[in-house]
Amino acid sequence: MSEKPAEDVCFTCQQSLHDSVIIEKDGEVFKSCPSCSSKAGTHVFYKHDDFGMRNMGDGRLIAQS
């Protein structure tokens, strides 16, 4: 397994900045923005409701990244 370059990994949690991370804090759900996170070098979170929904065409709706 190859390691990701340091700039592709969050310096706080060591997870990929290119993948969304969902967390819950104080009863609210937050989702990271891969584009914003890659630019900042750490996950940048927004309220989950701030993301639009995408219809996957098979009955699933997912949060936009």
PDB file of N, CA and C in Angstrom:
ATOM      1  N   MET A   1       0.845  -1.170   0.000  1.00  0.00           N
ATOM      2  CA  MET A   1       0.000   0.000   0.000  1.00  0.00           C
ATOM      3  C   MET A   1       0.896   1.241   0.000  1.00  0.00           C
ATOM      4  N   SER A   2       0.597   2.177  -0.894  1.00  0.00           N
ATOM      5  CA  SER A   2       1.424   3.372  -0.969  1.00  0.00           C
ATOM      6  C   SER A   2       0.892   4.442  -0.020  1.00  0.00           C
ATOM      7  N   GLU A   3       1.810   5.199   0.537  1.00  0.00           N
ATOM      8  CA  GLU A   3       1.419   6.290   1.437  1.00  0.00           C
ATOM      9  C   GLU A   3       1.042   7.510   0.615  1.00  0.00           C
ATOM     10  N   LYS A   4       0.099   8.279   1.135  1.00  0.00           N
ATOM     11  CA  LYS A   4      -0.315   9.514   0.462  1.00  0.00           C
ATOM     12  C   LYS A   4       0.706  10.599   0.777  1.00  0.00           C
ATOM     13  N   PRO A   5       0.941  11.506  -0.182  1.00  0.00           N
ATOM     14  CA  PRO A   5       1.833  12.630   0.115  1.00  0.00           C
ATOM     15  C   PRO A   5       1.297  13.423   1.296  1.00  0.00           C
ATOM     16  N   ALA A   6       2.171  14.033   2.046  1.00  0.00           N
ATOM     17  CA  ALA A   6       1.794  14.766   3.255  1.00  0.00           C
ATOM     18  C   ALA A   6       0.740  15.827   2.974  1.00  0.00           C
ATOM     19  N   GLU A   7       0.784  16.462   1.791  1.00  0.00           N
ATOM     20  CA  GLU A   7      -0.185  17.514   1.506  1.00  0.00           C
ATOM     21  C   GLU A   7      -1.585  16.965   1.233  1.00  0.00           C
ATOM     22  N   ASP A   8      -1.719  15.653   1.057  1.00  0.00           N
ATOM     23  CA  ASP A   8      -3.017  15.024   0.829  1.00  0.00           C
ATOM     24  C   ASP A   8      -3.643  14.503   2.119  1.00  0.00           C
ATOM     25  N   VAL A   9      -2.938  14.677   3.248  1.00  0.00           N
ATOM     26  CA  VAL A   9      -3.384  14.126   4.521  1.00  0.00           C
ATOM     27  C   VAL A   9      -3.570  15.252   5.534  1.00  0.00           C
ATOM     28  N   CYS A  10      -4.675  15.197   6.269  1.00  0.00           N
ATOM     29  CA  CYS A  10      -4.958  16.194   7.295  1.00  0.00           C
ATOM     30  C   CYS A  10      -3.907  16.106   8.398  1.00  0.00           C
ATOM     31  N   PHE A  11      -3.301  17.228   8.752  1.00  0.00           N
ATOM     32  CA  PHE A  11      -2.270  17.194   9.794  1.00  0.00           C
ATOM     33  C   PHE A  11      -2.873  16.992  11.177  1.00  0.00           C
ATOM     34  N   THR A  12      -4.194  17.160  11.315  1.00  0.00           N
ATOM     35  CA  THR A  12      -4.850  16.969  12.600  1.00  0.00           C
ATOM     36  C   THR A  12      -5.243  15.513  12.840  1.00  0.00           C
ATOM     37  N   CYS A  13      -5.915  14.888  11.836  1.00  0.00           N
ATOM     38  CA  CYS A  13      -6.444  13.528  12.045  1.00  0.00           C
ATOM     39  C   CYS A  13      -5.769  12.467  11.186  1.00  0.00           C
ATOM     40  N   GLN A  14      -4.880  12.861  10.273  1.00  0.00           N
ATOM     41  CA  GLN A  14      -4.137  11.952   9.403  1.00  0.00           C
ATOM     42  C   GLN A  14      -5.009  11.222   8.385  1.00  0.00           C
ATOM     43  N   GLN A  15      -6.225  11.719   8.104  1.00  0.00           N
ATOM     44  CA  GLN A  15      -7.093  11.137   7.083  1.00  0.00           C
ATOM     45  C   GLN A  15      -6.952  11.931   5.787  1.00  0.00           C
ATOM     46  N   SER A  16      -7.353  11.319   4.688  1.00  0.00           N
ATOM     47  CA  SER A  16      -7.272  11.966   3.388  1.00  0.00           C
ATOM     48  C   SER A  16      -8.108  13.239   3.359  1.00  0.00           C
ATOM     49  N   LEU A  17      -7.539  14.293   2.779  1.00  0.00           N
ATOM     50  CA  LEU A  17      -8.260  15.552   2.619  1.00  0.00           C
ATOM     51  C   LEU A  17      -9.199  15.502   1.417  1.00  0.00           C
ATOM     52  N   HIS A  18      -9.052  14.494   0.581  1.00  0.00           N
ATOM     53  CA  HIS A  18      -9.861  14.371  -0.627  1.00  0.00           C
ATOM     54  C   HIS A  18     -11.176  13.643  -0.378  1.00  0.00           C
ATOM     55  N   ASP A  19     -11.357  13.116   0.818  1.00  0.00           N
ATOM     56  CA  ASP A  19     -12.588  12.425   1.190  1.00  0.00           C
ATOM     57  C   ASP A  19     -13.336  13.251   2.222  1.00  0.00           C
ATOM     58  N   SER A  20     -14.649  13.318   2.079  1.00  0.00           N
ATOM     59  CA  SER A  20     -15.461  14.031   3.065  1.00  0.00           C
ATOM     60  C   SER A  20     -15.471  13.270   4.383  1.00  0.00           C
ATOM     61  N   VAL A  21     -15.489  14.009   5.462  1.00  0.00           N
ATOM     62  CA  VAL A  21     -15.594  13.445   6.803  1.00  0.00           C
ATOM     63  C   VAL A  21     -16.850  14.038   7.428  1.00  0.00           C
ATOM     64  N   ILE A  22     -17.653  13.197   8.050  1.00  0.00           N
ATOM     65  CA  ILE A  22     -18.868  13.665   8.710  1.00  0.00           C
ATOM     66  C   ILE A  22     -18.693  13.489  10.212  1.00  0.00           C
ATOM     67  N   ILE A  23     -18.982  14.550  10.963  1.00  0.00           N
ATOM     68  CA  ILE A  23     -18.877  14.497  12.413  1.00  0.00           C
ATOM     69  C   ILE A  23     -20.147  15.084  13.022  1.00  0.00           C
ATOM     70  N   GLU A  24     -20.381  14.739  14.277  1.00  0.00           N
ATOM     71  CA  GLU A  24     -21.478  15.336  15.034  1.00  0.00           C
ATOM     72  C   GLU A  24     -20.888  16.041  16.232  1.00  0.00           C
ATOM     73  N   LYS A  25     -21.333  17.274  16.450  1.00  0.00           N
ATOM     74  CA  LYS A  25     -20.859  18.056  17.590  1.00  0.00           C
ATOM     75  C   LYS A  25     -22.033  18.852  18.144  1.00  0.00           C
ATOM     76  N   ASP A  26     -22.244  18.724  19.414  1.00  0.00           N
ATOM     77  CA  ASP A  26     -23.325  19.447  20.097  1.00  0.00           C
ATOM     78  C   ASP A  26     -24.673  19.248  19.403  1.00  0.00           C
ATOM     79  N   GLY A  27     -24.919  18.023  18.927  1.00  0.00           N
ATOM     80  CA  GLY A  27     -26.204  17.686  18.312  1.00  0.00           C
ATOM     81  C   GLY A  27     -26.356  18.126  16.867  1.00  0.00           C
ATOM     82  N   GLU A  28     -25.324  18.736  16.283  1.00  0.00           N
ATOM     83  CA  GLU A  28     -25.376  19.162  14.884  1.00  0.00           C
ATOM     84  C   GLU A  28     -24.414  18.303  14.064  1.00  0.00           C
ATOM     85  N   VAL A  29     -24.786  18.061  12.811  1.00  0.00           N
ATOM     86  CA  VAL A  29     -23.960  17.261  11.905  1.00  0.00           C
ATOM     87  C   VAL A  29     -23.186  18.202  10.989  1.00  0.00           C
ATOM     88  N   PHE A  30     -21.877  17.942  10.859  1.00  0.00           N
ATOM     89  CA  PHE A  30     -21.000  18.731  10.017  1.00  0.00           C
ATOM     90  C   PHE A  30     -20.305  17.812   9.013  1.00  0.00           C
ATOM     91  N   LYS A  31     -20.015  18.355   7.834  1.00  0.00           N
ATOM     92  CA  LYS A  31     -19.344  17.598   6.776  1.00  0.00           C
ATOM     93  C   LYS A  31     -18.174  18.431   6.273  1.00  0.00           C
ATOM     94  N   SER A  32     -17.063  17.774   6.014  1.00  0.00           N
ATOM     95  CA  SER A  32     -15.914  18.508   5.489  1.00  0.00           C
ATOM     96  C   SER A  32     -16.052  18.687   3.979  1.00  0.00           C
ATOM     97  N   CYS A  33     -15.465  19.756   3.492  1.00  0.00           N
ATOM     98  CA  CYS A  33     -15.426  20.058   2.064  1.00  0.00           C
ATOM     99  C   CYS A  33     -14.047  19.647   1.545  1.00  0.00           C
ATOM    100  N   PRO A  34     -13.976  18.648   0.655  1.00  0.00           N
ATOM    101  CA  PRO A  34     -12.668  18.204   0.165  1.00  0.00           C
ATOM    102  C   PRO A  34     -11.847  19.312  -0.501  1.00  0.00           C
ATOM    103  N   SER A  35     -12.487  20.166  -1.280  1.00  0.00           N
ATOM    104  CA  SER A  35     -11.756  21.238  -1.963  1.00  0.00           C
ATOM    105  C   SER A  35     -11.184  22.238  -0.957  1.00  0.00           C
ATOM    106  N   CYS A  36     -12.028  22.691  -0.038  1.00  0.00           N
ATOM    107  CA  CYS A  36     -11.574  23.649   0.989  1.00  0.00           C
ATOM    108  C   CYS A  36     -10.500  23.017   1.878  1.00  0.00           C
ATOM    109  N   SER A  37     -10.699  21.752   2.215  1.00  0.00           N
ATOM    110  CA  SER A  37      -9.760  21.052   3.094  1.00  0.00           C
ATOM    111  C   SER A  37      -8.394  20.897   2.440  1.00  0.00           C
ATOM    112  N   SER A  38      -8.379  20.558   1.152  1.00  0.00           N
ATOM    113  CA  SER A  38      -7.107  20.402   0.438  1.00  0.00           C
ATOM    114  C   SER A  38      -6.333  21.717   0.412  1.00  0.00           C
ATOM    115  N   LYS A  39      -7.047  22.815   0.225  1.00  0.00           N
ATOM    116  CA  LYS A  39      -6.388  24.124   0.199  1.00  0.00           C
ATOM    117  C   LYS A  39      -5.850  24.508   1.573  1.00  0.00           C
ATOM    118  N   ALA A  40      -6.577  24.139   2.637  1.00  0.00           N
ATOM    119  CA  ALA A  40      -6.200  24.540   3.999  1.00  0.00           C
ATOM    120  C   ALA A  40      -5.202  23.585   4.657  1.00  0.00           C
ATOM    121  N   GLY A  41      -5.122  22.345   4.164  1.00  0.00           N
ATOM    122  CA  GLY A  41      -4.216  21.368   4.774  1.00  0.00           C
ATOM    123  C   GLY A  41      -4.790  20.690   6.007  1.00  0.00           C
ATOM    124  N   THR A  42      -6.024  20.991   6.320  1.00  0.00           N
ATOM    125  CA  THR A  42      -6.751  20.349   7.424  1.00  0.00           C
ATOM    126  C   THR A  42      -8.226  20.361   7.053  1.00  0.00           C
ATOM    127  N   HIS A  43      -8.999  19.464   7.631  1.00  0.00           N
ATOM    128  CA  HIS A  43     -10.415  19.412   7.280  1.00  0.00           C
ATOM    129  C   HIS A  43     -11.119  20.715   7.648  1.00  0.00           C
ATOM    130  N   VAL A  44     -11.907  21.214   6.699  1.00  0.00           N
ATOM    131  CA  VAL A  44     -12.726  22.411   6.883  1.00  0.00           C
ATOM    132  C   VAL A  44     -14.176  21.931   6.880  1.00  0.00           C
ATOM    133  N   PHE A  45     -14.887  22.182   7.988  1.00  0.00           N
ATOM    134  CA  PHE A  45     -16.242  21.663   8.155  1.00  0.00           C
ATOM    135  C   PHE A  45     -17.294  22.749   7.984  1.00  0.00           C
ATOM    136  N   TYR A  46     -18.423  22.336   7.425  1.00  0.00           N
ATOM    137  CA  TYR A  46     -19.608  23.168   7.288  1.00  0.00           C
ATOM    138  C   TYR A  46     -20.800  22.355   7.777  1.00  0.00           C
ATOM    139  N   LYS A  47     -21.877  23.047   8.145  1.00  0.00           N
ATOM    140  CA  LYS A  47     -23.081  22.325   8.533  1.00  0.00           C
ATOM    141  C   LYS A  47     -23.520  21.436   7.378  1.00  0.00           C
ATOM    142  N   HIS A  48     -23.922  20.226   7.713  1.00  0.00           N
ATOM    143  CA  HIS A  48     -24.320  19.252   6.691  1.00  0.00           C
ATOM    144  C   HIS A  48     -25.415  19.818   5.791  1.00  0.00           C
ATOM    145  N   ASP A  49     -26.331  20.604   6.369  1.00  0.00           N
ATOM    146  CA  ASP A  49     -27.433  21.177   5.601  1.00  0.00           C
ATOM    147  C   ASP A  49     -26.971  22.211   4.573  1.00  0.00           C
ATOM    148  N   ASP A  50     -25.743  22.708   4.705  1.00  0.00           N
ATOM    149  CA  ASP A  50     -25.217  23.689   3.748  1.00  0.00           C
ATOM    150  C   ASP A  50     -24.881  23.050   2.401  1.00  0.00           C
ATOM    151  N   PHE A  51     -24.760  21.733   2.363  1.00  0.00           N
ATOM    152  CA  PHE A  51     -24.450  21.008   1.130  1.00  0.00           C
ATOM    153  C   PHE A  51     -25.755  20.652   0.430  1.00  0.00           C
ATOM    154  N   GLY A  52     -25.772  20.750  -0.876  1.00  0.00           N
ATOM    155  CA  GLY A  52     -26.942  20.321  -1.641  1.00  0.00           C
ATOM    156  C   GLY A  52     -26.970  18.798  -1.717  1.00  0.00           C
ATOM    157  N   MET A  53     -28.063  18.287  -2.230  1.00  0.00           N
ATOM    158  CA  MET A  53     -28.209  16.845  -2.381  1.00  0.00           C
ATOM    159  C   MET A  53     -28.123  16.475  -3.859  1.00  0.00           C
ATOM    160  N   ARG A  54     -27.526  15.334  -4.136  1.00  0.00           N
ATOM    161  CA  ARG A  54     -27.386  14.847  -5.508  1.00  0.00           C
ATOM    162  C   ARG A  54     -28.184  13.557  -5.655  1.00  0.00           C
ATOM    163  N   ASN A  55     -29.012  13.477  -6.693  1.00  0.00           N
ATOM    164  CA  ASN A  55     -29.760  12.263  -6.989  1.00  0.00           C
ATOM    165  C   ASN A  55     -28.841  11.344  -7.791  1.00  0.00           C
ATOM    166  N   MET A  56     -28.588  10.155  -7.258  1.00  0.00           N
ATOM    167  CA  MET A  56     -27.673   9.226  -7.913  1.00  0.00           C
ATOM    168  C   MET A  56     -28.345   8.413  -9.018  1.00  0.00           C
ATOM    169  N   GLY A  57     -29.671   8.616  -9.221  1.00  0.00           N
ATOM    170  CA  GLY A  57     -30.370   7.929 -10.302  1.00  0.00           C
ATOM    171  C   GLY A  57     -30.823   6.527  -9.963  1.00  0.00           C
ATOM    172  N   ASP A  58     -30.485   6.055  -8.789  1.00  0.00           N
ATOM    173  CA  ASP A  58     -30.885   4.707  -8.381  1.00  0.00           C
ATOM    174  C   ASP A  58     -31.695   4.735  -7.089  1.00  0.00           C
ATOM    175  N   GLY A  59     -32.289   5.891  -6.809  1.00  0.00           N
ATOM    176  CA  GLY A  59     -33.094   6.043  -5.605  1.00  0.00           C
ATOM    177  C   GLY A  59     -32.322   6.602  -4.421  1.00  0.00           C
ATOM    178  N   ARG A  60     -31.000   6.715  -4.552  1.00  0.00           N
ATOM    179  CA  ARG A  60     -30.192   7.267  -3.460  1.00  0.00           C
ATOM    180  C   ARG A  60     -29.996   8.755  -3.644  1.00  0.00           C
ATOM    181  N   LEU A  61     -30.041   9.475  -2.538  1.00  0.00           N
ATOM    182  CA  LEU A  61     -29.679  10.882  -2.507  1.00  0.00           C
ATOM    183  C   LEU A  61     -28.454  11.001  -1.600  1.00  0.00           C
ATOM    184  N   ILE A  62     -27.417  11.687  -2.091  1.00  0.00           N
ATOM    185  CA  ILE A  62     -26.220  11.866  -1.276  1.00  0.00           C
ATOM    186  C   ILE A  62     -25.895  13.348  -1.186  1.00  0.00           C
ATOM    187  N   ALA A  63     -25.204  13.732  -0.136  1.00  0.00           N
ATOM    188  CA  ALA A  63     -24.783  15.116   0.018  1.00  0.00           C
ATOM    189  C   ALA A  63     -23.698  15.421  -1.000  1.00  0.00           C
ATOM    190  N   GLN A  64     -23.804  16.575  -1.642  1.00  0.00           N
ATOM    191  CA  GLN A  64     -22.765  17.026  -2.575  1.00  0.00           C
ATOM    192  C   GLN A  64     -21.454  17.201  -1.805  1.00  0.00           C
ATOM    193  N   SER A  65     -20.355  16.990  -2.484  1.00  0.00           N
ATOM    194  CA  SER A  65     -19.071  17.222  -1.827  1.00  0.00           C
ATOM    195  C   SER A  65     -18.451  18.492  -2.344  1.00  0.00           C
TER     196      SER A  65
END
